[in-house]
Amino acid sequence: LVISDTLRAANLPTYGYPRQTAPTLSALADRSLVIEHAVAQFPGTPQSVSQIFTGHRMPPLLMGARLFAIPSRAIPDNYPVLPRVLKERGYHTAMVSSHYWWTDDSRLLPMLDETHIVPSEDSYAPFHDLHEPILRVLDNAQDRPLFLTVHSMDTHGPWADPEPTWTTGALPPQYAGYDTD
């Protein structure tokens, strides 16, 4: 499961965007089921990630976002959380991320066999810094089925606009950073 934090369908050619921003993802979409009408219940990472892992509209928060929201204190053992369910069925479960809200108080991390939260001097590390831990997870999975979550932050920004004025009809300058091929 790859989560590209704040990546918008509006910026992907699969959904009609005119620039080729994600050729590999487009090739995968060509041979996959593409969901065209999905709506997040709440426009925030802790809620959206919790929904992805539980399938519930208003699940307990799984990230440790203490300053953002009041997380639940416990999650019942019978509450379905994808990595926990898969782990119970013999999967090796792991996460690699650089998101700073995956902290010691995150409810999801104890449900995983392996976690790699990559530190950064900035808010979060770029995707290429996640490569080594991803390879370690693949090595550790051995003969078991694997459920790996990679939570990337590259599309989150922040992108500084070097020229705050731009003409109508042109892509704003910050898209040069967001729309890298």
Protein backbone atom coordinates (compact mmCIF):
# COMPACT_ATOMS: atom_id res chain seq x y z
CA LEU A 1 0.00 0.00 0.00
CA VAL A 2 1.60 3.26 -1.10
CA ILE A 3 0.23 6.45 0.40
CA SER A 4 1.44 9.58 -1.33
CA ASP A 5 0.35 12.24 1.15
CA THR A 6 -1.72 15.04 -0.47
CA LEU A 7 -1.27 13.73 -4.01
CA ARG A 8 -4.37 14.89 -5.83
CA ALA A 9 -6.17 12.99 -8.58
CA ALA A 10 -6.45 16.35 -10.33
CA ASN A 11 -2.66 16.22 -10.92
CA LEU A 12 -2.57 12.74 -12.44
CA PRO A 13 -2.95 11.94 -16.16
CA THR A 14 -5.09 8.91 -15.26
CA TYR A 15 -7.75 11.39 -14.18
CA GLY A 16 -7.35 13.76 -17.13
CA TYR A 17 -4.44 15.99 -16.12
CA PRO A 18 -2.67 17.18 -19.31
CA ARG A 19 0.94 16.78 -18.10
CA GLN A 20 2.60 13.37 -17.81
CA THR A 21 3.35 13.61 -14.09
CA ALA A 22 3.29 9.91 -13.20
CA PRO A 23 4.21 7.62 -16.11
CA THR A 24 4.71 4.51 -13.99
CA LEU A 25 1.45 5.06 -12.12
CA SER A 26 -0.31 5.66 -15.46
CA ALA A 27 1.04 2.35 -16.81
CA LEU A 28 -0.18 0.57 -13.68
CA ALA A 29 -3.60 2.25 -14.01
CA ASP A 30 -3.87 1.02 -17.60
CA ARG A 31 -3.97 -2.57 -16.33
CA SER A 32 -5.77 -1.99 -13.01
CA LEU A 33 -9.13 -1.10 -11.56
CA VAL A 34 -9.15 2.69 -11.23
CA ILE A 35 -11.51 4.26 -8.69
CA GLU A 36 -12.84 7.43 -10.24
CA HIS A 37 -15.12 8.77 -7.51
CA ALA A 38 -13.63 8.45 -4.03
CA VAL A 39 -14.14 11.13 -1.41
CA ALA A 40 -12.30 11.50 1.88
CA GLN A 41 -14.60 11.91 4.86
CA PHE A 42 -12.28 14.58 6.26
CA PRO A 43 -9.49 16.49 4.51
CA GLY A 44 -6.71 15.57 6.91
CA THR A 45 -4.03 12.91 7.04
CA PRO A 46 -4.81 11.31 10.45
CA GLN A 47 -8.47 10.81 9.59
CA SER A 48 -7.88 9.73 5.98
CA VAL A 49 -5.11 7.26 6.85
CA SER A 50 -7.28 5.81 9.63
CA GLN A 51 -10.13 5.38 7.13
CA ILE A 52 -7.83 3.61 4.66
CA PHE A 53 -6.70 1.09 7.28
CA THR A 54 -10.14 0.42 8.78
CA GLY A 55 -12.69 1.02 6.04
CA HIS A 56 -14.75 3.05 8.53
CA ARG A 57 -15.88 6.64 8.00
CA MET A 58 -15.10 7.79 11.54
CA PRO A 59 -12.53 5.35 12.92
CA PRO A 60 -10.31 5.90 15.91
CA LEU A 61 -7.21 7.83 14.90
CA LEU A 62 -4.26 5.56 14.20
CA MET A 63 -1.61 8.30 13.91
CA GLY A 64 -0.12 10.10 16.88
CA ALA A 65 -1.41 13.56 16.02
CA ARG A 66 -1.75 14.88 19.56
CA LEU A 67 -1.59 18.53 18.55
CA PHE A 68 -4.08 18.05 15.72
CA ALA A 69 -6.88 16.02 17.28
CA ILE A 70 -7.80 14.07 20.37
CA PRO A 71 -6.94 10.43 19.57
CA SER A 72 -8.79 7.50 21.08
CA ARG A 73 -7.03 5.82 23.97
CA ALA A 74 -7.50 2.23 22.83
CA ILE A 75 -8.78 0.27 19.89
CA PRO A 76 -10.83 -2.83 20.75
CA ASP A 77 -9.18 -6.13 19.80
CA ASN A 78 -12.13 -7.00 17.54
CA TYR A 79 -12.00 -3.69 15.64
CA PRO A 80 -10.80 -4.46 12.08
CA VAL A 81 -7.54 -2.73 11.23
CA LEU A 82 -6.00 -4.05 8.00
CA PRO A 83 -2.41 -4.68 9.17
CA ARG A 84 -3.62 -6.35 12.38
CA VAL A 85 -6.02 -8.61 10.45
CA LEU A 86 -3.31 -9.56 7.96
CA LYS A 87 -0.74 -10.16 10.72
CA GLU A 88 -3.22 -12.56 12.40
CA ARG A 89 -3.39 -14.42 9.08
CA GLY A 90 0.38 -14.92 8.88
CA TYR A 91 1.52 -11.86 6.94
CA HIS A 92 4.71 -10.01 7.77
CA THR A 93 3.41 -6.44 8.27
CA ALA A 94 5.60 -3.37 7.95
CA MET A 95 5.59 0.39 7.42
CA VAL A 96 8.19 2.74 6.00
CA SER A 97 7.44 6.45 6.30
CA SER A 98 8.93 9.83 7.05
CA HIS A 99 5.70 11.38 8.33
CA TYR A 100 6.38 12.99 11.69
CA TRP A 101 2.96 11.94 13.10
CA TRP A 102 3.96 8.28 13.16
CA THR A 103 5.13 8.54 16.77
CA ASP A 104 5.28 6.35 19.88
CA ASP A 105 1.64 7.17 20.63
CA SER A 106 0.42 6.00 17.20
CA ARG A 107 -2.14 3.22 17.60
CA LEU A 108 -1.14 1.50 14.34
CA LEU A 109 2.59 0.98 14.91
CA PRO A 110 2.26 -1.69 17.65
CA MET A 111 0.07 -3.71 15.25
CA LEU A 112 2.98 -4.04 12.78
CA ASP A 113 5.86 -6.49 12.83
CA GLU A 114 8.31 -3.87 11.59
CA THR A 115 8.37 -0.08 11.33
CA HIS A 116 10.90 2.31 9.85
CA ILE A 117 10.16 5.97 10.47
CA VAL A 118 12.88 7.84 8.60
CA PRO A 119 13.98 11.02 10.39
CA SER A 120 14.67 14.21 8.53
CA GLU A 121 16.13 17.62 9.18
CA ASP A 122 13.09 19.09 7.43
CA SER A 123 9.49 18.13 8.16
CA TYR A 124 9.91 14.84 6.32
CA ALA A 125 12.45 12.92 4.27
CA PRO A 126 12.22 12.62 0.48
CA PHE A 127 11.14 9.32 -1.07
CA HIS A 128 14.67 8.28 -2.05
CA ASP A 129 15.55 8.22 1.69
CA LEU A 130 12.90 5.51 2.10
CA HIS A 131 14.55 3.13 -0.39
CA GLU A 132 16.99 1.49 2.02
CA PRO A 133 14.37 0.71 4.70
CA ILE A 134 12.00 -0.60 1.99
CA LEU A 135 14.72 -3.00 0.83
CA ARG A 136 15.31 -4.11 4.45
CA VAL A 137 11.60 -4.90 4.83
CA LEU A 138 11.63 -6.92 1.61
CA ASP A 139 14.66 -8.87 2.90
CA ASN A 140 12.99 -9.48 6.30
CA ALA A 141 9.74 -10.82 4.83
CA GLN A 142 11.47 -14.02 3.68
CA ASP A 143 8.92 -16.77 2.95
CA ARG A 144 5.88 -15.10 4.51
CA PRO A 145 3.34 -13.06 2.57
CA LEU A 146 4.09 -9.36 2.98
CA PHE A 147 1.91 -6.34 3.65
CA LEU A 148 4.06 -3.22 3.35
CA THR A 149 2.81 0.33 3.71
CA VAL A 150 4.99 3.12 2.32
CA HIS A 151 3.80 6.56 3.38
CA SER A 152 5.55 9.11 1.20
CA MET A 153 5.51 12.84 1.81
CA ASP A 154 7.12 14.20 -1.38
CA THR A 155 3.84 15.54 -2.80
CA HIS A 156 2.96 17.27 0.45
CA GLY A 157 5.21 20.27 -0.24
CA PRO A 158 5.95 22.84 0.93
CA TRP A 159 6.73 24.34 -2.46
CA ALA A 160 7.95 27.90 -2.33
CA ASP A 161 6.64 30.09 -5.14
CA PRO A 162 9.76 31.90 -6.43
CA GLU A 163 7.62 34.31 -8.46
CA PRO A 164 4.38 35.14 -6.66
CA THR A 165 2.69 36.47 -9.81
CA TRP A 166 1.73 34.36 -12.79
CA THR A 167 -0.56 34.80 -15.76
CA THR A 168 -4.04 33.35 -15.98
CA GLY A 169 -4.13 30.14 -17.99
CA ALA A 170 -0.56 29.14 -17.16
CA LEU A 171 0.42 26.67 -14.50
CA PRO A 172 1.56 28.48 -11.35
CA PRO A 173 5.33 28.26 -10.72
CA GLN A 174 4.94 26.04 -7.64
CA TYR A 175 3.64 23.30 -9.94
CA ALA A 176 7.17 22.94 -11.30
CA GLY A 177 8.08 21.42 -7.93
CA TYR A 178 4.86 19.46 -7.51
CA ASP A 179 4.69 18.17 -11.08
CA THR A 180 8.06 16.52 -11.44
CA ASP A 181 8.18 13.71 -13.96
